[in-house]
Amino acid sequence: MVASDDIAGSLLTGTFTVLDAIDADAAALRLDGVLSRTPGAPLPEQLDRLVDLLGPTDGALASAAVATDFPGLAAAIPDFAGLLFVRLGMDGDYLAFFRREVIQSIDWLGDLGAQNRAEVLSPRLSFSAWRESVTGRSLPWDDLPREALALARDIEGARLRRRESRLATLAMHDPLTGLSNRRSLMEELDRVSTNSIDLSLLFIDLDNFKAVNDNFGHEAGDAVIVETGRRLIEQTRASDRVARLGGDEFIVMAESLSRADAEAMAHRIADSLREPLDGRAVTASIGIVTFDSQASPAEMLEAADAAMYRAKQSGRDGISF
């Protein structure tokens, strides 16, 4: 559950499911507003009705005889006699388990009915054993409410860790392109400078991107940025880091790449970007710098930026060292 991006799927599907942990005939999980059910569970509209009837609940609500203990709920889940219900947080999410009716036989010593008494207050006439069938009940939940609460806490913990992971991802990636952002790039440059790894930086700046925004709108501009990121990934190695600094500026960070190979990569990128991007004509100025000794991340980025501006000053749509 913790390792999965799909918490509900990890609990309700597969060889081992939540029903192996909490013995029940069916289960339902509403997580982040999305309802998931095991086969045979009450229908979504029945579950909505059940939750409305339950109202606010604390802890685990458990009953092996819903029709007797909570008569108003029985109509919502007519196919089940037992209910174990736990709320998750304050957003309407919940975890619910359902058990079907199990007809049970109870052996008594002496019939308690009027037919076994001379008068209403008379002692029983016979204490012979007799058997009574009990309906409308499921098997008892015993300690499972406590287990369900523990599982609910685990689900909340997994959801919290997933949210933290997403926030960490957002903090290190550009939300539009999904590429590394400036912060992520600077951390990677710091790692490289510490380990003195040979490095090449390609600083890519789109030449006439402002005209795309001005003439076609920001939605068209966003499409161009996304397509630029995709083409940069196509023209670089799997080990290279492609980052968006912001606006129409991108960086390719390539370790163990010779000056000649870095230039060849820049030409491939430039040729790729000359093809219309989402129907818009865009070119790029590319600056290349290589480092064979330690340098600070700021110095690396400043040198790459300067090389790119030399390409701009030379007429744009070109490459400069």
Protein backbone atom coordinates (compact mmCIF):
# COMPACT_ATOMS: atom_id res chain seq x y z
CA MET A 1 0.00 0.00 0.00
CA VAL A 2 2.78 2.44 0.92
CA ALA A 3 4.78 1.74 -2.23
CA SER A 4 1.81 1.99 -4.59
CA ASP A 5 0.50 5.09 -6.32
CA ASP A 6 -2.93 3.42 -6.21
CA ILE A 7 -3.75 2.82 -2.55
CA ALA A 8 -7.29 1.64 -3.25
CA GLY A 9 -6.15 -0.75 -5.97
CA SER A 10 -3.46 -2.23 -3.73
CA LEU A 11 -6.07 -2.90 -1.03
CA LEU A 12 -9.03 -4.13 -3.06
CA THR A 13 -7.49 -6.03 -5.99
CA GLY A 14 -4.85 -8.65 -6.51
CA THR A 15 -4.03 -11.98 -4.93
CA PHE A 16 -3.99 -10.59 -1.40
CA THR A 17 -6.65 -8.00 -0.56
CA VAL A 18 -7.98 -6.23 2.47
CA LEU A 19 -10.56 -9.01 2.83
CA ASP A 20 -7.71 -11.33 3.81
CA ALA A 21 -6.87 -8.96 6.66
CA ILE A 22 -10.44 -8.13 7.73
CA ASP A 23 -12.59 -11.22 7.19
CA ALA A 24 -15.71 -10.04 5.37
CA ASP A 25 -17.76 -10.77 2.26
CA ALA A 26 -17.20 -7.36 0.64
CA ALA A 27 -15.52 -4.03 1.24
CA ALA A 28 -15.71 -0.45 0.00
CA LEU A 29 -13.15 2.33 0.23
CA ARG A 30 -13.75 6.00 -0.48
CA LEU A 31 -10.38 7.73 -0.72
CA ASP A 32 -9.81 11.31 -1.84
CA GLY A 33 -13.44 11.36 -2.96
CA VAL A 34 -13.09 8.31 -5.24
CA LEU A 35 -15.15 5.21 -4.39
CA SER A 36 -13.72 1.73 -4.95
CA ARG A 37 -15.47 -1.57 -4.18
CA THR A 38 -14.74 -5.26 -4.12
CA PRO A 39 -17.05 -7.51 -6.16
CA GLY A 40 -20.43 -7.96 -4.51
CA ALA A 41 -20.22 -4.83 -2.38
CA PRO A 42 -23.27 -2.52 -2.13
CA LEU A 43 -23.87 -0.31 -5.14
CA PRO A 44 -22.54 3.29 -5.10
CA GLU A 45 -26.01 4.72 -4.56
CA GLN A 46 -26.59 2.32 -1.66
CA LEU A 47 -23.28 3.34 -0.10
CA ASP A 48 -24.13 7.02 -0.49
CA ARG A 49 -27.44 6.38 1.28
CA LEU A 50 -25.69 4.44 4.04
CA VAL A 51 -23.19 7.23 4.68
CA ASP A 52 -25.96 9.82 4.77
CA LEU A 53 -27.93 7.76 7.29
CA LEU A 54 -24.88 7.15 9.47
CA GLY A 55 -24.03 10.81 9.80
CA PRO A 56 -20.92 11.75 11.81
CA THR A 57 -19.28 8.75 13.46
CA ASP A 58 -16.24 8.35 15.67
CA GLY A 59 -14.12 5.24 15.94
CA ALA A 60 -15.39 2.04 14.37
CA LEU A 61 -19.10 1.30 14.10
CA ALA A 62 -19.66 -2.45 14.13
CA SER A 63 -22.83 -4.50 14.10
CA ALA A 64 -23.52 -8.16 13.36
CA ALA A 65 -27.25 -7.43 13.19
CA VAL A 66 -27.81 -4.14 11.40
CA ALA A 67 -31.57 -4.63 11.10
CA THR A 68 -31.83 -4.97 14.89
CA ASP A 69 -29.15 -2.52 16.06
CA PHE A 70 -29.71 0.19 13.42
CA PRO A 71 -33.10 -0.41 11.77
CA GLY A 72 -32.80 2.71 9.65
CA LEU A 73 -29.64 1.43 7.94
CA ALA A 74 -30.99 -1.96 6.91
CA ALA A 75 -32.75 -0.65 3.80
CA ALA A 76 -29.50 0.84 2.49
CA ILE A 77 -27.68 -2.51 2.52
CA PRO A 78 -30.45 -5.12 2.19
CA ASP A 79 -28.09 -7.91 1.12
CA PHE A 80 -25.97 -7.72 4.26
CA ALA A 81 -26.57 -8.36 7.93
CA GLY A 82 -23.21 -7.19 9.30
CA LEU A 83 -21.47 -3.82 8.94
CA LEU A 84 -18.07 -2.54 10.07
CA PHE A 85 -17.56 1.15 9.22
CA VAL A 86 -14.60 3.48 9.83
CA ARG A 87 -14.30 7.08 8.66
CA LEU A 88 -11.05 8.34 7.16
CA GLY A 89 -10.26 11.96 7.98
CA MET A 90 -12.81 14.73 7.64
CA ASP A 91 -13.46 14.71 3.88
CA GLY A 92 -16.20 12.10 3.68
CA ASP A 93 -13.80 9.24 3.01
CA TYR A 94 -14.38 5.90 4.71
CA LEU A 95 -13.56 2.22 4.87
CA ALA A 96 -16.46 -0.24 5.17
CA PHE A 97 -16.80 -4.00 5.43
CA PHE A 98 -19.94 -6.07 4.91
CA ARG A 99 -20.97 -9.56 5.97
CA ARG A 100 -23.92 -11.58 4.74
CA GLU A 101 -26.46 -13.26 6.96
CA VAL A 102 -25.41 -16.52 8.59
CA ILE A 103 -28.30 -18.54 10.04
CA GLN A 104 -27.20 -19.76 13.46
CA SER A 105 -28.65 -22.40 15.75
CA ILE A 106 -28.71 -21.83 19.51
CA ASP A 107 -29.37 -24.67 21.95
CA TRP A 108 -31.39 -23.78 25.04
CA LEU A 109 -32.27 -25.71 28.21
CA GLY A 110 -35.98 -25.17 28.64
CA ASP A 111 -38.24 -23.39 26.19
CA LEU A 112 -38.76 -19.78 27.31
CA GLY A 113 -42.08 -19.53 25.50
CA ALA A 114 -45.58 -19.42 27.05
CA GLN A 115 -46.28 -22.97 25.88
CA ASN A 116 -43.74 -24.23 28.47
CA ARG A 117 -45.46 -22.53 31.44
CA ALA A 118 -48.74 -23.14 33.17
CA GLU A 119 -49.14 -19.40 33.68
CA VAL A 120 -47.10 -16.35 32.69
CA LEU A 121 -45.25 -16.24 36.02
CA SER A 122 -45.09 -19.99 36.52
CA PRO A 123 -41.77 -21.87 36.41
CA ARG A 124 -40.98 -23.68 33.18
CA LEU A 125 -42.65 -27.07 32.94
CA SER A 126 -39.69 -28.68 31.18
CA PHE A 127 -35.98 -28.04 30.92
CA SER A 128 -35.51 -30.30 27.95
CA ALA A 129 -33.00 -29.03 25.41
CA TRP A 130 -34.45 -27.25 22.39
CA ARG A 131 -32.89 -25.47 19.40
CA GLU A 132 -33.72 -22.06 18.02
CA SER A 133 -32.67 -20.72 14.60
CA VAL A 134 -31.46 -17.11 14.66
CA THR A 135 -31.67 -15.10 11.43
CA GLY A 136 -30.77 -11.57 10.40
CA ARG A 137 -27.28 -11.82 11.86
CA SER A 138 -23.76 -12.22 10.49
CA LEU A 139 -20.82 -13.76 12.24
CA PRO A 140 -19.62 -11.51 15.10
CA TRP A 141 -16.83 -9.04 14.34
CA ASP A 142 -14.97 -9.79 17.60
CA ASP A 143 -11.63 -7.90 17.57
CA LEU A 144 -11.88 -6.82 13.93
CA PRO A 145 -13.12 -3.27 14.70
CA ARG A 146 -9.77 -2.65 16.41
CA GLU A 147 -7.98 -4.09 13.37
CA ALA A 148 -10.05 -1.90 11.04
CA LEU A 149 -9.07 1.20 13.02
CA ALA A 150 -5.41 0.22 12.76
CA LEU A 151 -5.80 -0.28 9.01
CA ALA A 152 -7.48 3.13 8.73
CA ARG A 153 -4.47 4.71 10.44
CA ASP A 154 -2.16 2.90 8.00
CA ILE A 155 -4.19 4.22 5.07
CA GLU A 156 -3.97 7.75 6.45
CA GLY A 157 -0.22 7.35 6.89
CA ALA A 158 0.22 6.05 3.34
CA ARG A 159 -1.89 8.90 1.97
CA LEU A 160 0.17 11.44 3.91
CA ARG A 161 3.44 10.00 2.60
CA ARG A 162 2.06 10.03 -0.93
CA ARG A 163 1.09 13.69 -0.59
CA GLU A 164 4.53 14.51 0.79
CA SER A 165 6.12 12.68 -2.12
CA ARG A 166 4.00 14.63 -4.60
CA LEU A 167 4.92 17.93 -2.95
CA ALA A 168 8.60 16.95 -3.11
CA THR A 169 8.19 16.10 -6.78
CA LEU A 170 6.46 19.41 -7.48
CA ALA A 171 9.23 21.25 -5.64
CA MET A 172 11.86 19.73 -7.96
CA HIS A 173 10.02 19.69 -11.29
CA ASP A 174 8.55 22.21 -13.69
CA PRO A 175 4.76 21.86 -13.51
CA LEU A 176 4.19 22.55 -17.21
CA THR A 177 6.75 20.24 -18.81
CA GLY A 178 7.54 17.81 -16.01
CA LEU A 179 11.24 18.52 -16.53
CA SER A 180 13.64 19.29 -13.70
CA ASN A 181 13.34 22.88 -12.51
CA ARG A 182 16.03 25.38 -11.56
CA ARG A 183 16.24 24.17 -7.98
CA SER A 184 16.70 20.56 -9.04
CA LEU A 185 19.31 21.56 -11.61
CA MET A 186 21.32 23.60 -9.11
CA GLU A 187 21.38 20.69 -6.67
CA GLU A 188 22.60 18.38 -9.43
CA LEU A 189 25.26 20.90 -10.49
CA ASP A 190 26.40 21.08 -6.88
CA ARG A 191 26.78 17.30 -6.82
CA VAL A 192 28.79 17.37 -10.02
CA SER A 193 31.05 20.18 -8.85
CA THR A 194 31.73 18.32 -5.61
CA ASN A 195 32.75 15.17 -7.45
CA SER A 196 34.73 16.93 -10.20
CA ILE A 197 32.93 15.07 -12.99
CA ASP A 198 33.60 16.27 -16.54
CA LEU A 199 30.53 18.19 -17.57
CA SER A 200 28.97 19.96 -20.55
CA LEU A 201 26.12 22.44 -20.28
CA LEU A 202 23.92 23.46 -23.18
CA PHE A 203 21.89 26.62 -22.56
CA ILE A 204 18.91 26.76 -24.98
CA ASP A 205 16.83 29.90 -25.40
CA LEU A 206 13.98 30.13 -27.93
CA ASP A 207 14.55 33.09 -30.24
CA ASN A 208 11.10 34.37 -31.08
CA PHE A 209 8.96 32.88 -28.37
CA LYS A 210 7.45 36.21 -27.30
CA ALA A 211 5.88 36.56 -30.74
CA VAL A 212 4.12 33.23 -30.28
CA ASN A 213 2.53 34.45 -27.03
CA ASP A 214 1.68 37.85 -28.48
CA ASN A 215 0.19 36.55 -31.74
CA PHE A 216 -1.40 33.27 -30.70
CA GLY A 217 -1.95 33.50 -26.95
CA HIS A 218 -0.41 31.90 -23.89
CA GLU A 219 -2.08 28.54 -24.48
CA ALA A 220 -0.23 28.25 -27.78
CA GLY A 221 2.93 29.38 -26.01
CA ASP A 222 2.53 26.66 -23.39
CA ALA A 223 2.13 24.07 -26.15
CA VAL A 224 5.38 25.24 -27.72
CA ILE A 225 7.20 24.99 -24.37
CA VAL A 226 5.93 21.46 -23.78
CA GLU A 227 6.92 20.36 -27.28
CA THR A 228 10.35 21.95 -26.88
CA GLY A 229 10.91 19.91 -23.73
CA ARG A 230 9.86 16.73 -25.52
CA ARG A 231 12.24 17.35 -28.42
CA LEU A 232 15.13 18.12 -26.09
CA ILE A 233 14.62 14.74 -24.43
CA GLU A 234 14.52 13.07 -27.85
CA GLN A 235 17.87 14.58 -28.86
CA THR A 236 19.74 13.84 -25.62
CA ARG A 237 20.94 10.71 -23.88
CA ALA A 238 19.00 8.93 -21.17
CA SER A 239 21.72 9.87 -18.68
CA ASP A 240 21.51 13.59 -19.49
CA ARG A 241 19.49 15.99 -17.33
CA VAL A 242 17.06 18.29 -19.20
CA ALA A 243 15.75 21.19 -17.14
CA ARG A 244 13.55 24.19 -17.68
CA LEU A 245 14.93 27.28 -15.98
CA GLY A 246 11.77 29.27 -16.61
CA GLY A 247 10.09 31.06 -19.51
CA ASP A 248 11.66 29.81 -22.74
CA GLU A 249 15.05 28.90 -21.24
CA PHE A 250 16.24 25.30 -20.98
CA ILE A 251 19.43 23.57 -19.87
CA VAL A 252 20.87 20.22 -20.91
CA MET A 253 23.42 18.91 -18.42
CA ALA A 254 25.57 16.11 -19.83
CA GLU A 255 28.30 14.30 -17.91
CA SER A 256 31.32 12.70 -19.60
CA LEU A 257 30.63 14.38 -22.93
CA SER A 258 33.45 15.72 -25.08
CA ARG A 259 33.39 19.20 -26.59
CA ALA A 260 32.89 17.72 -30.06
CA ASP A 261 30.03 15.50 -28.90
CA ALA A 262 28.44 18.42 -27.07
CA GLU A 263 28.55 20.47 -30.28
CA ALA A 264 27.02 17.60 -32.23
CA MET A 265 24.22 17.37 -29.68
CA ALA A 266 23.59 21.11 -29.94
CA HIS A 267 23.29 20.87 -33.73
CA ARG A 268 20.79 18.01 -33.39
CA ILE A 269 18.75 20.10 -30.95
CA ALA A 270 18.85 23.16 -33.20
CA ASP A 271 17.77 21.12 -36.25
CA SER A 272 14.94 19.57 -34.28
CA LEU A 273 13.64 22.92 -33.02
CA ARG A 274 13.65 24.42 -36.53
CA GLU A 275 10.77 22.10 -37.37
CA PRO A 276 7.50 23.93 -36.63
CA LEU A 277 6.47 23.50 -33.00
CA ASP A 278 2.71 22.93 -32.83
CA GLY A 279 2.45 24.77 -36.13
CA ARG A 280 4.57 27.71 -34.89
CA ALA A 281 7.97 28.56 -36.32
CA VAL A 282 10.53 28.81 -33.53
CA THR A 283 14.34 28.71 -33.54
CA ALA A 284 16.84 28.58 -30.69
CA SER A 285 20.15 30.09 -29.66
CA ILE A 286 22.38 27.57 -27.89
CA GLY A 287 25.39 28.22 -25.70
CA ILE A 288 27.83 25.42 -24.90
CA VAL A 289 30.31 25.29 -22.04
CA THR A 290 32.44 22.38 -20.84
CA PHE A 291 34.17 22.00 -17.49
CA ASP A 292 37.11 19.77 -16.69
CA SER A 293 37.76 21.12 -13.20
CA GLN A 294 35.74 22.16 -10.19
CA ALA A 295 33.38 25.11 -10.58
CA SER A 296 30.46 26.33 -8.52
CA PRO A 297 26.92 25.80 -9.83
CA ALA A 298 26.47 29.56 -10.17
CA GLU A 299 29.68 29.85 -12.20
CA MET A 300 28.61 26.99 -14.46
CA LEU A 301 25.22 28.52 -15.14
CA GLU A 302 26.66 32.01 -15.65
CA ALA A 303 29.17 30.70 -18.19
CA ALA A 304 26.48 28.80 -20.09
CA ASP A 305 24.22 31.87 -20.08
CA ALA A 306 27.05 34.01 -21.47
CA ALA A 307 27.70 31.50 -24.26
CA MET A 308 24.03 31.54 -25.20
CA TYR A 309 24.02 35.35 -25.42
CA ARG A 310 27.02 35.21 -27.73
CA ALA A 311 24.89 33.02 -30.01
CA LYS A 312 22.07 35.58 -29.80
CA GLN A 313 24.42 38.42 -30.67
CA SER A 314 25.71 36.47 -33.66
CA GLY A 315 22.31 36.50 -35.31
CA ARG A 316 20.30 33.94 -33.35
CA ASP A 317 19.42 30.42 -34.50
CA GLY A 318 23.01 29.45 -33.87
CA ILE A 319 25.52 27.84 -31.52
CA SER A 320 28.34 29.42 -29.56
CA PHE A 321 31.01 28.36 -27.07
